[in-house]
């Protein structure tokens, strides 16, 4: 099982590097979308906690 995780990890790293090398603009867009999603989630949690405190 540990061997399979290593293989999947290596494949994932190779895929990410391939994507970045062949299409850096698209890769940057995907990273930006990911960070925007994380930011929105954090803001939502912050609003929820503020509502609880008030």
PDB file of N, CA and C in Angstrom:
ATOM      1  N   UNK A   1       0.825  -1.198   0.000  1.00  0.00           N
ATOM      2  CA  UNK A   1       0.000   0.000   0.000  1.00  0.00           C
ATOM      3  C   UNK A   1       0.862   1.253   0.000  1.00  0.00           C
ATOM      4  N   UNK A   2       1.921   1.250   0.773  1.00  0.00           N
ATOM      5  CA  UNK A   2       2.813   2.408   0.813  1.00  0.00           C
ATOM      6  C   UNK A   2       3.468   2.623  -0.546  1.00  0.00           C
ATOM      7  N   UNK A   3       3.756   1.527  -1.234  1.00  0.00           N
ATOM      8  CA  UNK A   3       4.368   1.611  -2.561  1.00  0.00           C
ATOM      9  C   UNK A   3       3.409   2.274  -3.549  1.00  0.00           C
ATOM     10  N   UNK A   4       2.141   1.949  -3.448  1.00  0.00           N
ATOM     11  CA  UNK A   4       1.138   2.538  -4.340  1.00  0.00           C
ATOM     12  C   UNK A   4       1.010   4.039  -4.087  1.00  0.00           C
ATOM     13  N   UNK A   5       1.070   4.457  -2.829  1.00  0.00           N
ATOM     14  CA  UNK A   5       0.992   5.882  -2.503  1.00  0.00           C
ATOM     15  C   UNK A   5       2.177   6.636  -3.099  1.00  0.00           C
ATOM     16  N   UNK A   6       3.356   6.025  -3.051  1.00  0.00           N
ATOM     17  CA  UNK A   6       4.536   6.658  -3.627  1.00  0.00           C
ATOM     18  C   UNK A   6       4.375   6.831  -5.130  1.00  0.00           C
ATOM     19  N   UNK A   7       3.895   5.783  -5.790  1.00  0.00           N
ATOM     20  CA  UNK A   7       3.725   5.832  -7.239  1.00  0.00           C
ATOM     21  C   UNK A   7       2.709   6.907  -7.614  1.00  0.00           C
ATOM     22  N   UNK A   8       1.589   6.952  -6.904  1.00  0.00           N
ATOM     23  CA  UNK A   8       0.566   7.963  -7.183  1.00  0.00           C
ATOM     24  C   UNK A   8       1.129   9.357  -6.920  1.00  0.00           C
ATOM     25  N   UNK A   9       1.902   9.513  -5.874  1.00  0.00           N
ATOM     26  CA  UNK A   9       2.521  10.806  -5.574  1.00  0.00           C
ATOM     27  C   UNK A   9       3.460  11.251  -6.680  1.00  0.00           C
ATOM     28  N   UNK A  10       4.296  10.332  -7.169  1.00  0.00           N
ATOM     29  CA  UNK A  10       5.209  10.661  -8.261  1.00  0.00           C
ATOM     30  C   UNK A  10       4.453  11.027  -9.526  1.00  0.00           C
ATOM     31  N   UNK A  11       3.407  10.300  -9.823  1.00  0.00           N
ATOM     32  CA  UNK A  11       2.601  10.598 -11.017  1.00  0.00           C
ATOM     33  C   UNK A  11       1.963  11.976 -10.891  1.00  0.00           C
ATOM     34  N   UNK A  12       1.477  12.289  -9.712  1.00  0.00           N
ATOM     35  CA  UNK A  12       0.863  13.596  -9.489  1.00  0.00           C
ATOM     36  C   UNK A  12       1.879  14.719  -9.662  1.00  0.00           C
ATOM     37  N   UNK A  13       3.072  14.546  -9.119  1.00  0.00           N
ATOM     38  CA  UNK A  13       4.122  15.564  -9.248  1.00  0.00           C
ATOM     39  C   UNK A  13       4.506  15.751 -10.714  1.00  0.00           C
ATOM     40  N   UNK A  14       4.660  14.655 -11.438  1.00  0.00           N
ATOM     41  CA  UNK A  14       5.010  14.743 -12.859  1.00  0.00           C
ATOM     42  C   UNK A  14       3.905  15.458 -13.631  1.00  0.00           C
ATOM     43  N   UNK A  15       2.655  15.138 -13.325  1.00  0.00           N
ATOM     44  CA  UNK A  15       1.537  15.783 -14.009  1.00  0.00           C
ATOM     45  C   UNK A  15       1.521  17.284 -13.740  1.00  0.00           C
ATOM     46  N   UNK A  16       1.725  17.682 -12.490  1.00  0.00           N
ATOM     47  CA  UNK A  16       1.726  19.107 -12.141  1.00  0.00           C
ATOM     48  C   UNK A  16       2.867  19.825 -12.863  1.00  0.00           C
ATOM     49  N   UNK A  17       4.054  19.238 -12.849  1.00  0.00           N
ATOM     50  CA  UNK A  17       5.180  19.857 -13.545  1.00  0.00           C
ATOM     51  C   UNK A  17       4.928  19.952 -15.043  1.00  0.00           C
ATOM     52  N   UNK A  18       4.375  18.917 -15.632  1.00  0.00           N
ATOM     53  CA  UNK A  18       4.050  18.923 -17.059  1.00  0.00           C
ATOM     54  C   UNK A  18       3.049  20.031 -17.376  1.00  0.00           C
ATOM     55  N   UNK A  19       2.031  20.173 -16.544  1.00  0.00           N
ATOM     56  CA  UNK A  19       1.026  21.202 -16.756  1.00  0.00           C
ATOM     57  C   UNK A  19       1.633  22.594 -16.656  1.00  0.00           C
ATOM     58  N   UNK A  20       2.486  22.800 -15.668  1.00  0.00           N
ATOM     59  CA  UNK A  20       3.118  24.110 -15.493  1.00  0.00           C
ATOM     60  C   UNK A  20       4.030  24.431 -16.671  1.00  0.00           C
ATOM     61  N   UNK A  21       4.774  23.455 -17.141  1.00  0.00           N
ATOM     62  CA  UNK A  21       5.721  23.695 -18.231  1.00  0.00           C
ATOM     63  C   UNK A  21       5.008  23.940 -19.553  1.00  0.00           C
ATOM     64  N   UNK A  22       3.970  23.143 -19.835  1.00  0.00           N
ATOM     65  CA  UNK A  22       3.310  23.251 -21.132  1.00  0.00           C
ATOM     66  C   UNK A  22       2.317  24.403 -21.209  1.00  0.00           C
ATOM     67  N   UNK A  23       1.721  24.784 -20.076  1.00  0.00           N
ATOM     68  CA  UNK A  23       0.722  25.847 -20.084  1.00  0.00           C
ATOM     69  C   UNK A  23       0.800  26.654 -18.791  1.00  0.00           C
ATOM     70  N   UNK A  24       1.803  27.490 -18.666  1.00  0.00           N
ATOM     71  CA  UNK A  24       1.964  28.227 -17.415  1.00  0.00           C
ATOM     72  C   UNK A  24       0.813  29.200 -17.131  1.00  0.00           C
ATOM     73  N   UNK A  25       0.230  29.788 -18.174  1.00  0.00           N
ATOM     74  CA  UNK A  25      -0.885  30.714 -17.949  1.00  0.00           C
ATOM     75  C   UNK A  25      -2.083  29.996 -17.357  1.00  0.00           C
ATOM     76  N   UNK A  26      -2.396  28.840 -17.902  1.00  0.00           N
ATOM     77  CA  UNK A  26      -3.534  28.053 -17.397  1.00  0.00           C
ATOM     78  C   UNK A  26      -3.250  27.568 -15.972  1.00  0.00           C
ATOM     79  N   UNK A  27      -2.029  27.145 -15.705  1.00  0.00           N
ATOM     80  CA  UNK A  27      -1.667  26.688 -14.367  1.00  0.00           C
ATOM     81  C   UNK A  27      -1.801  27.831 -13.361  1.00  0.00           C
ATOM     82  N   UNK A  28      -1.398  29.031 -13.750  1.00  0.00           N
ATOM     83  CA  UNK A  28      -1.526  30.184 -12.858  1.00  0.00           C
ATOM     84  C   UNK A  28      -2.989  30.495 -12.587  1.00  0.00           C
ATOM     85  N   UNK A  29      -3.824  30.375 -13.605  1.00  0.00           N
ATOM     86  CA  UNK A  29      -5.257  30.606 -13.417  1.00  0.00           C
ATOM     87  C   UNK A  29      -5.848  29.599 -12.439  1.00  0.00           C
ATOM     88  N   UNK A  30      -5.452  28.347 -12.550  1.00  0.00           N
ATOM     89  CA  UNK A  30      -5.969  27.320 -11.646  1.00  0.00           C
ATOM     90  C   UNK A  30      -5.534  27.566 -10.209  1.00  0.00           C
ATOM     91  N   UNK A  31      -4.297  27.977 -10.025  1.00  0.00           N
ATOM     92  CA  UNK A  31      -3.809  28.279  -8.676  1.00  0.00           C
ATOM     93  C   UNK A  31      -4.569  29.472  -8.101  1.00  0.00           C
ATOM     94  N   UNK A  32      -4.813  30.481  -8.927  1.00  0.00           N
ATOM     95  CA  UNK A  32      -5.546  31.657  -8.464  1.00  0.00           C
ATOM     96  C   UNK A  32      -6.957  31.276  -8.048  1.00  0.00           C
ATOM     97  N   UNK A  33      -7.618  30.438  -8.825  1.00  0.00           N
ATOM     98  CA  UNK A  33      -8.972  29.988  -8.477  1.00  0.00           C
ATOM     99  C   UNK A  33      -8.948  29.228  -7.151  1.00  0.00           C
ATOM    100  N   UNK A  34      -7.939  28.394  -6.968  1.00  0.00           N
ATOM    101  CA  UNK A  34      -7.821  27.640  -5.718  1.00  0.00           C
ATOM    102  C   UNK A  34      -7.661  28.547  -4.517  1.00  0.00           C
ATOM    103  N   UNK A  35      -6.787  29.554  -4.637  1.00  0.00           N
ATOM    104  CA  UNK A  35      -6.577  30.474  -3.519  1.00  0.00           C
ATOM    105  C   UNK A  35      -7.803  31.343  -3.264  1.00  0.00           C
ATOM    106  N   UNK A  36      -8.518  31.714  -4.315  1.00  0.00           N
ATOM    107  CA  UNK A  36      -9.751  32.480  -4.128  1.00  0.00           C
ATOM    108  C   UNK A  36     -10.782  31.643  -3.370  1.00  0.00           C
ATOM    109  N   UNK A  37     -10.844  30.351  -3.680  1.00  0.00           N
ATOM    110  CA  UNK A  37     -11.760  29.467  -2.970  1.00  0.00           C
ATOM    111  C   UNK A  37     -11.411  29.341  -1.500  1.00  0.00           C
ATOM    112  N   UNK A  38     -10.117  29.204  -1.214  1.00  0.00           N
ATOM    113  CA  UNK A  38      -9.671  29.110   0.178  1.00  0.00           C
ATOM    114  C   UNK A  38      -9.968  30.414   0.914  1.00  0.00           C
ATOM    115  N   UNK A  39      -9.738  31.541   0.241  1.00  0.00           N
ATOM    116  CA  UNK A  39     -10.012  32.841   0.848  1.00  0.00           C
ATOM    117  C   UNK A  39     -11.498  33.006   1.150  1.00  0.00           C
ATOM    118  N   UNK A  40     -12.342  32.608   0.231  1.00  0.00           N
ATOM    119  CA  UNK A  40     -13.789  32.709   0.448  1.00  0.00           C
ATOM    120  C   UNK A  40     -14.225  31.834   1.611  1.00  0.00           C
ATOM    121  N   UNK A  41     -13.661  30.647   1.695  1.00  0.00           N
ATOM    122  CA  UNK A  41     -14.010  29.747   2.798  1.00  0.00           C
ATOM    123  C   UNK A  41     -13.573  30.341   4.137  1.00  0.00           C
ATOM    124  N   UNK A  42     -12.389  30.922   4.184  1.00  0.00           N
ATOM    125  CA  UNK A  42     -11.903  31.526   5.422  1.00  0.00           C
ATOM    126  C   UNK A  42     -12.770  32.718   5.823  1.00  0.00           C
ATOM    127  N   UNK A  43     -13.188  33.520   4.857  1.00  0.00           N
ATOM    128  CA  UNK A  43     -14.067  34.645   5.161  1.00  0.00           C
ATOM    129  C   UNK A  43     -15.405  34.154   5.702  1.00  0.00           C
ATOM    130  N   UNK A  44     -15.914  33.079   5.135  1.00  0.00           N
ATOM    131  CA  UNK A  44     -17.168  32.512   5.614  1.00  0.00           C
ATOM    132  C   UNK A  44     -17.059  32.025   7.052  1.00  0.00           C
ATOM    133  N   UNK A  45     -15.959  31.366   7.361  1.00  0.00           N
ATOM    134  CA  UNK A  45     -15.744  30.898   8.734  1.00  0.00           C
ATOM    135  C   UNK A  45     -15.622  32.088   9.676  1.00  0.00           C
ATOM    136  N   UNK A  46     -14.936  33.127   9.226  1.00  0.00           N
ATOM    137  CA  UNK A  46     -14.797  34.334  10.050  1.00  0.00           C
ATOM    138  C   UNK A  46     -16.143  34.985  10.334  1.00  0.00           C
ATOM    139  N   UNK A  47     -16.981  35.083   9.322  1.00  0.00           N
ATOM    140  CA  UNK A  47     -18.317  35.658   9.525  1.00  0.00           C
ATOM    141  C   UNK A  47     -19.141  34.801  10.477  1.00  0.00           C
ATOM    142  N   UNK A  48     -19.030  33.477  10.348  1.00  0.00           N
ATOM    143  CA  UNK A  48     -19.756  32.567  11.225  1.00  0.00           C
ATOM    144  C   UNK A  48     -19.316  32.743  12.676  1.00  0.00           C
ATOM    145  N   UNK A  49     -18.003  32.804  12.897  1.00  0.00           N
ATOM    146  CA  UNK A  49     -17.489  32.973  14.255  1.00  0.00           C
ATOM    147  C   UNK A  49     -17.902  34.332  14.831  1.00  0.00           C
ATOM    148  N   UNK A  50     -17.886  35.362  13.993  1.00  0.00           N
ATOM    149  CA  UNK A  50     -18.319  36.678  14.458  1.00  0.00           C
ATOM    150  C   UNK A  50     -19.792  36.643  14.865  1.00  0.00           C
ATOM    151  N   UNK A  51     -20.604  35.948  14.087  1.00  0.00           N
ATOM    152  CA  UNK A  51     -22.030  35.834  14.421  1.00  0.00           C
ATOM    153  C   UNK A  51     -22.230  35.092  15.729  1.00  0.00           C
ATOM    154  N   UNK A  52     -21.411  34.082  15.973  1.00  0.00           N
ATOM    155  CA  UNK A  52     -21.517  33.347  17.226  1.00  0.00           C
ATOM    156  C   UNK A  52     -21.177  34.212  18.425  1.00  0.00           C
ATOM    157  N   UNK A  53     -20.155  35.040  18.272  1.00  0.00           N
ATOM    158  CA  UNK A  53     -19.706  35.892  19.374  1.00  0.00           C
ATOM    159  C   UNK A  53     -20.741  36.970  19.671  1.00  0.00           C
ATOM    160  N   UNK A  54     -21.337  37.511  18.615  1.00  0.00           N
ATOM    161  CA  UNK A  54     -22.343  38.568  18.807  1.00  0.00           C
ATOM    162  C   UNK A  54     -23.616  37.904  19.224  1.00  0.00           C
TER     163      UNK A  54
END
